[in-house]
Amino acid sequence: MIKGQVDAVSPTIGDWHRVSNPTNDVSISIHVYGANIGKVVRRKVGVNQNVEDFISGYSSECVFRS
C-alpha cells in the first residue's frame, strides 16, 4: 500500500492479510471489527504454514469515558 491508501477485507471478499511496515516511517493501521474481537475465534497461518485458531487477547472489556 502507499501513503493514504485504504483497503477493506471481510469474510465475503477475503480476509487473509498481513500487516507490516517496510519503511522506517510511522505507520498507522486501523482495524474495525463487527464483533467483540477479544472473544472471537479467528484463524492465522502459523510458522509451519499450518492454519491455527486463536483469540487475539485484546480486552473484551473496553470502557469509553467522556
PDB file of N, CA and C in Angstrom:
ATOM      1  N   MET A   1       0.838  -1.180   0.000  1.00  0.00           N
ATOM      2  CA  MET A   1       0.000   0.000   0.000  1.00  0.00           C
ATOM      3  C   MET A   1       0.883   1.242   0.000  1.00  0.00           C
ATOM      4  N   ILE A   2       0.331   2.311  -0.487  1.00  0.00           N
ATOM      5  CA  ILE A   2       1.054   3.576  -0.490  1.00  0.00           C
ATOM      6  C   ILE A   2       0.386   4.550   0.466  1.00  0.00           C
ATOM      7  N   LYS A   3       1.082   5.625   0.805  1.00  0.00           N
ATOM      8  CA  LYS A   3       0.585   6.619   1.741  1.00  0.00           C
ATOM      9  C   LYS A   3      -0.825   7.063   1.369  1.00  0.00           C
ATOM     10  N   GLY A   4      -1.728   6.996   2.356  1.00  0.00           N
ATOM     11  CA  GLY A   4      -3.099   7.432   2.156  1.00  0.00           C
ATOM     12  C   GLY A   4      -4.029   6.385   1.583  1.00  0.00           C
ATOM     13  N   GLN A   5      -3.508   5.241   1.191  1.00  0.00           N
ATOM     14  CA  GLN A   5      -4.342   4.204   0.589  1.00  0.00           C
ATOM     15  C   GLN A   5      -5.170   3.500   1.665  1.00  0.00           C
ATOM     16  N   VAL A   6      -6.388   3.149   1.315  1.00  0.00           N
ATOM     17  CA  VAL A   6      -7.299   2.443   2.211  1.00  0.00           C
ATOM     18  C   VAL A   6      -7.699   1.136   1.541  1.00  0.00           C
ATOM     19  N   ASP A   7      -7.799   0.081   2.323  1.00  0.00           N
ATOM     20  CA  ASP A   7      -8.196  -1.215   1.798  1.00  0.00           C
ATOM     21  C   ASP A   7      -9.239  -1.818   2.725  1.00  0.00           C
ATOM     22  N   ALA A   8     -10.002  -2.760   2.224  1.00  0.00           N
ATOM     23  CA  ALA A   8     -11.031  -3.417   3.027  1.00  0.00           C
ATOM     24  C   ALA A   8     -10.938  -4.921   2.838  1.00  0.00           C
ATOM     25  N   VAL A   9     -11.207  -5.635   3.913  1.00  0.00           N
ATOM     26  CA  VAL A   9     -11.285  -7.090   3.858  1.00  0.00           C
ATOM     27  C   VAL A   9     -12.499  -7.521   4.665  1.00  0.00           C
ATOM     28  N   SER A  10     -13.063  -8.644   4.313  1.00  0.00           N
ATOM     29  CA  SER A  10     -14.186  -9.218   5.054  1.00  0.00           C
ATOM     30  C   SER A  10     -14.314 -10.673   4.648  1.00  0.00           C
ATOM     31  N   PRO A  11     -15.080 -11.446   5.400  1.00  0.00           N
ATOM     32  CA  PRO A  11     -15.260 -12.843   5.003  1.00  0.00           C
ATOM     33  C   PRO A  11     -15.882 -12.993   3.609  1.00  0.00           C
ATOM     34  N   THR A  12     -16.628 -11.998   3.159  1.00  0.00           N
ATOM     35  CA  THR A  12     -17.249 -12.107   1.839  1.00  0.00           C
ATOM     36  C   THR A  12     -16.315 -11.739   0.696  1.00  0.00           C
ATOM     37  N   ILE A  13     -15.292 -10.911   0.964  1.00  0.00           N
ATOM     38  CA  ILE A  13     -14.351 -10.537  -0.101  1.00  0.00           C
ATOM     39  C   ILE A  13     -12.953 -11.077   0.142  1.00  0.00           C
ATOM     40  N   GLY A  14     -12.767 -11.788   1.233  1.00  0.00           N
ATOM     41  CA  GLY A  14     -11.462 -12.371   1.561  1.00  0.00           C
ATOM     42  C   GLY A  14     -10.827 -11.620   2.712  1.00  0.00           C
ATOM     43  N   ASP A  15     -10.469 -12.319   3.769  1.00  0.00           N
ATOM     44  CA  ASP A  15      -9.934 -11.613   4.935  1.00  0.00           C
ATOM     45  C   ASP A  15      -8.582 -12.121   5.407  1.00  0.00           C
ATOM     46  N   TRP A  16      -7.814 -12.787   4.533  1.00  0.00           N
ATOM     47  CA  TRP A  16      -6.441 -13.158   4.870  1.00  0.00           C
ATOM     48  C   TRP A  16      -5.550 -11.995   4.494  1.00  0.00           C
ATOM     49  N   HIS A  17      -4.834 -11.440   5.466  1.00  0.00           N
ATOM     50  CA  HIS A  17      -3.959 -10.321   5.170  1.00  0.00           C
ATOM     51  C   HIS A  17      -2.817 -10.271   6.182  1.00  0.00           C
ATOM     52  N   ARG A  18      -1.778  -9.578   5.797  1.00  0.00           N
ATOM     53  CA  ARG A  18      -0.615  -9.383   6.662  1.00  0.00           C
ATOM     54  C   ARG A  18      -0.422  -7.885   6.835  1.00  0.00           C
ATOM     55  N   VAL A  19      -0.131  -7.481   8.057  1.00  0.00           N
ATOM     56  CA  VAL A  19       0.106  -6.073   8.340  1.00  0.00           C
ATOM     57  C   VAL A  19       1.583  -5.907   8.673  1.00  0.00           C
ATOM     58  N   SER A  20       2.246  -5.024   7.940  1.00  0.00           N
ATOM     59  CA  SER A  20       3.656  -4.754   8.208  1.00  0.00           C
ATOM     60  C   SER A  20       3.998  -3.356   7.725  1.00  0.00           C
ATOM     61  N   ASN A  21       5.148  -2.868   8.131  1.00  0.00           N
ATOM     62  CA  ASN A  21       5.623  -1.555   7.735  1.00  0.00           C
ATOM     63  C   ASN A  21       7.044  -1.724   7.198  1.00  0.00           C
ATOM     64  N   PRO A  22       7.224  -1.713   5.879  1.00  0.00           N
ATOM     65  CA  PRO A  22       8.541  -1.965   5.303  1.00  0.00           C
ATOM     66  C   PRO A  22       9.492  -0.765   5.358  1.00  0.00           C
ATOM     67  N   THR A  23       9.047   0.355   5.897  1.00  0.00           N
ATOM     68  CA  THR A  23       9.899   1.541   5.965  1.00  0.00           C
ATOM     69  C   THR A  23      10.164   1.914   7.418  1.00  0.00           C
ATOM     70  N   ASN A  24      10.998   2.903   7.619  1.00  0.00           N
ATOM     71  CA  ASN A  24      11.275   3.413   8.965  1.00  0.00           C
ATOM     72  C   ASN A  24      10.295   4.493   9.372  1.00  0.00           C
ATOM     73  N   ASP A  25       9.344   4.823   8.496  1.00  0.00           N
ATOM     74  CA  ASP A  25       8.347   5.837   8.810  1.00  0.00           C
ATOM     75  C   ASP A  25       7.310   5.282   9.782  1.00  0.00           C
ATOM     76  N   VAL A  26       6.604   6.184  10.435  1.00  0.00           N
ATOM     77  CA  VAL A  26       5.493   5.789  11.299  1.00  0.00           C
ATOM     78  C   VAL A  26       4.343   5.318  10.420  1.00  0.00           C
ATOM     79  N   SER A  27       3.713   4.253  10.821  1.00  0.00           N
ATOM     80  CA  SER A  27       2.591   3.697  10.075  1.00  0.00           C
ATOM     81  C   SER A  27       1.432   3.452  11.023  1.00  0.00           C
ATOM     82  N   ILE A  28       0.228   3.755  10.573  1.00  0.00           N
ATOM     83  CA  ILE A  28      -0.964   3.533  11.391  1.00  0.00           C
ATOM     84  C   ILE A  28      -1.889   2.585  10.649  1.00  0.00           C
ATOM     85  N   SER A  29      -2.304   1.539  11.321  1.00  0.00           N
ATOM     86  CA  SER A  29      -3.233   0.573  10.751  1.00  0.00           C
ATOM     87  C   SER A  29      -4.449   0.514  11.659  1.00  0.00           C
ATOM     88  N   ILE A  30      -5.599   0.880  11.134  1.00  0.00           N
ATOM     89  CA  ILE A  30      -6.830   0.865  11.919  1.00  0.00           C
ATOM     90  C   ILE A  30      -7.686  -0.300  11.447  1.00  0.00           C
ATOM     91  N   HIS A  31      -8.009  -1.186  12.360  1.00  0.00           N
ATOM     92  CA  HIS A  31      -8.876  -2.323  12.069  1.00  0.00           C
ATOM     93  C   HIS A  31     -10.221  -2.082  12.748  1.00  0.00           C
ATOM     94  N   VAL A  32     -11.291  -2.223  12.012  1.00  0.00           N
ATOM     95  CA  VAL A  32     -12.634  -2.069  12.560  1.00  0.00           C
ATOM     96  C   VAL A  32     -13.334  -3.416  12.436  1.00  0.00           C
ATOM     97  N   TYR A  33     -13.791  -3.942  13.556  1.00  0.00           N
ATOM     98  CA  TYR A  33     -14.420  -5.256  13.581  1.00  0.00           C
ATOM     99  C   TYR A  33     -15.897  -5.117  13.945  1.00  0.00           C
ATOM    100  N   GLY A  34     -16.702  -6.017  13.453  1.00  0.00           N
ATOM    101  CA  GLY A  34     -18.127  -6.008  13.762  1.00  0.00           C
ATOM    102  C   GLY A  34     -18.480  -6.983  14.860  1.00  0.00           C
ATOM    103  N   ALA A  35     -17.537  -7.230  15.767  1.00  0.00           N
ATOM    104  CA  ALA A  35     -17.770  -8.193  16.848  1.00  0.00           C
ATOM    105  C   ALA A  35     -16.828  -7.869  18.002  1.00  0.00           C
ATOM    106  N   ASN A  36     -16.989  -8.541  19.100  1.00  0.00           N
ATOM    107  CA  ASN A  36     -16.107  -8.401  20.251  1.00  0.00           C
ATOM    108  C   ASN A  36     -14.824  -9.172  19.951  1.00  0.00           C
ATOM    109  N   ILE A  37     -13.829  -8.489  19.435  1.00  0.00           N
ATOM    110  CA  ILE A  37     -12.613  -9.125  18.937  1.00  0.00           C
ATOM    111  C   ILE A  37     -11.803  -9.804  20.051  1.00  0.00           C
ATOM    112  N   GLY A  38     -12.089  -9.469  21.318  1.00  0.00           N
ATOM    113  CA  GLY A  38     -11.421 -10.124  22.438  1.00  0.00           C
ATOM    114  C   GLY A  38     -11.980 -11.497  22.754  1.00  0.00           C
ATOM    115  N   LYS A  39     -13.072 -11.881  22.065  1.00  0.00           N
ATOM    116  CA  LYS A  39     -13.682 -13.187  22.320  1.00  0.00           C
ATOM    117  C   LYS A  39     -13.894 -14.022  21.058  1.00  0.00           C
ATOM    118  N   VAL A  40     -13.709 -13.440  19.892  1.00  0.00           N
ATOM    119  CA  VAL A  40     -13.979 -14.129  18.629  1.00  0.00           C
ATOM    120  C   VAL A  40     -12.814 -15.058  18.270  1.00  0.00           C
ATOM    121  N   VAL A  41     -13.119 -16.302  17.950  1.00  0.00           N
ATOM    122  CA  VAL A  41     -12.098 -17.237  17.484  1.00  0.00           C
ATOM    123  C   VAL A  41     -11.814 -16.918  16.019  1.00  0.00           C
ATOM    124  N   ARG A  42     -10.542 -16.638  15.717  1.00  0.00           N
ATOM    125  CA  ARG A  42     -10.128 -16.324  14.350  1.00  0.00           C
ATOM    126  C   ARG A  42      -9.084 -17.340  13.909  1.00  0.00           C
ATOM    127  N   ARG A  43      -8.567 -17.184  12.699  1.00  0.00           N
ATOM    128  CA  ARG A  43      -7.563 -18.117  12.186  1.00  0.00           C
ATOM    129  C   ARG A  43      -6.352 -17.350  11.680  1.00  0.00           C
ATOM    130  N   LYS A  44      -5.194 -17.990  11.782  1.00  0.00           N
ATOM    131  CA  LYS A  44      -3.952 -17.416  11.268  1.00  0.00           C
ATOM    132  C   LYS A  44      -3.111 -18.527  10.677  1.00  0.00           C
ATOM    133  N   VAL A  45      -2.159 -18.148   9.844  1.00  0.00           N
ATOM    134  CA  VAL A  45      -1.200 -19.099   9.297  1.00  0.00           C
ATOM    135  C   VAL A  45       0.010 -19.089  10.223  1.00  0.00           C
ATOM    136  N   GLY A  46       0.319 -20.241  10.797  1.00  0.00           N
ATOM    137  CA  GLY A  46       1.409 -20.352  11.752  1.00  0.00           C
ATOM    138  C   GLY A  46       2.774 -20.425  11.081  1.00  0.00           C
ATOM    139  N   VAL A  47       3.810 -20.529  11.901  1.00  0.00           N
ATOM    140  CA  VAL A  47       5.183 -20.540  11.394  1.00  0.00           C
ATOM    141  C   VAL A  47       5.468 -21.734  10.486  1.00  0.00           C
ATOM    142  N   ASN A  48       4.751 -22.833  10.670  1.00  0.00           N
ATOM    143  CA  ASN A  48       4.930 -24.008   9.819  1.00  0.00           C
ATOM    144  C   ASN A  48       3.928 -24.039   8.678  1.00  0.00           C
ATOM    145  N   GLN A  49       3.324 -22.882   8.378  1.00  0.00           N
ATOM    146  CA  GLN A  49       2.334 -22.729   7.300  1.00  0.00           C
ATOM    147  C   GLN A  49       1.040 -23.498   7.567  1.00  0.00           C
ATOM    148  N   ASN A  50       0.800 -23.887   8.813  1.00  0.00           N
ATOM    149  CA  ASN A  50      -0.449 -24.546   9.148  1.00  0.00           C
ATOM    150  C   ASN A  50      -1.450 -23.502   9.664  1.00  0.00           C
ATOM    151  N   VAL A  51      -2.720 -23.727   9.424  1.00  0.00           N
ATOM    152  CA  VAL A  51      -3.766 -22.801   9.867  1.00  0.00           C
ATOM    153  C   VAL A  51      -4.107 -23.120  11.317  1.00  0.00           C
ATOM    154  N   GLU A  52      -4.075 -22.080  12.160  1.00  0.00           N
ATOM    155  CA  GLU A  52      -4.307 -22.247  13.596  1.00  0.00           C
ATOM    156  C   GLU A  52      -5.437 -21.330  14.048  1.00  0.00           C
ATOM    157  N   ASP A  53      -6.281 -21.809  14.953  1.00  0.00           N
ATOM    158  CA  ASP A  53      -7.292 -20.969  15.584  1.00  0.00           C
ATOM    159  C   ASP A  53      -6.628 -20.152  16.686  1.00  0.00           C
ATOM    160  N   PHE A  54      -7.116 -18.931  16.921  1.00  0.00           N
ATOM    161  CA  PHE A  54      -6.614 -18.128  18.024  1.00  0.00           C
ATOM    162  C   PHE A  54      -7.654 -17.084  18.428  1.00  0.00           C
ATOM    163  N   ILE A  55      -7.534 -16.590  19.636  1.00  0.00           N
ATOM    164  CA  ILE A  55      -8.290 -15.436  20.112  1.00  0.00           C
ATOM    165  C   ILE A  55      -7.253 -14.368  20.382  1.00  0.00           C
ATOM    166  N   SER A  56      -7.478 -13.173  19.885  1.00  0.00           N
ATOM    167  CA  SER A  56      -6.453 -12.137  19.866  1.00  0.00           C
ATOM    168  C   SER A  56      -5.889 -11.763  21.232  1.00  0.00           C
ATOM    169  N   GLY A  57      -6.686 -11.862  22.274  1.00  0.00           N
ATOM    170  CA  GLY A  57      -6.197 -11.468  23.583  1.00  0.00           C
ATOM    171  C   GLY A  57      -6.468 -10.011  23.891  1.00  0.00           C
ATOM    172  N   TYR A  58      -7.038  -9.271  22.939  1.00  0.00           N
ATOM    173  CA  TYR A  58      -7.426  -7.891  23.228  1.00  0.00           C
ATOM    174  C   TYR A  58      -8.490  -7.900  24.305  1.00  0.00           C
ATOM    175  N   SER A  59      -8.529  -6.866  25.084  1.00  0.00           N
ATOM    176  CA  SER A  59      -9.518  -6.786  26.152  1.00  0.00           C
ATOM    177  C   SER A  59     -10.920  -6.750  25.581  1.00  0.00           C
ATOM    178  N   SER A  60     -11.788  -7.578  26.109  1.00  0.00           N
ATOM    179  CA  SER A  60     -13.184  -7.550  25.698  1.00  0.00           C
ATOM    180  C   SER A  60     -13.995  -6.652  26.616  1.00  0.00           C
ATOM    181  N   GLU A  61     -13.327  -5.955  27.516  1.00  0.00           N
ATOM    182  CA  GLU A  61     -13.997  -5.061  28.462  1.00  0.00           C
ATOM    183  C   GLU A  61     -13.610  -3.611  28.193  1.00  0.00           C
ATOM    184  N   CYS A  62     -13.734  -3.188  26.968  1.00  0.00           N
ATOM    185  CA  CYS A  62     -13.400  -1.811  26.604  1.00  0.00           C
ATOM    186  C   CYS A  62     -14.413  -0.847  27.199  1.00  0.00           C
ATOM    187  N   VAL A  63     -13.937   0.167  27.888  1.00  0.00           N
ATOM    188  CA  VAL A  63     -14.815   1.146  28.515  1.00  0.00           C
ATOM    189  C   VAL A  63     -14.481   2.526  27.963  1.00  0.00           C
ATOM    190  N   PHE A  64     -15.493   3.202  27.460  1.00  0.00           N
ATOM    191  CA  PHE A  64     -15.309   4.559  26.959  1.00  0.00           C
ATOM    192  C   PHE A  64     -15.847   5.541  27.989  1.00  0.00           C
ATOM    193  N   ARG A  65     -15.057   6.543  28.299  1.00  0.00           N
ATOM    194  CA  ARG A  65     -15.482   7.552  29.270  1.00  0.00           C
ATOM    195  C   ARG A  65     -15.425   8.918  28.601  1.00  0.00           C
ATOM    196  N   SER A  66     -16.380   9.765  28.926  1.00  0.00           N
ATOM    197  CA  SER A  66     -16.375  11.135  28.365  1.00  0.00           C
ATOM    198  C   SER A  66     -15.982  12.134  29.423  1.00  0.00           C
TER     199      SER A  66
END
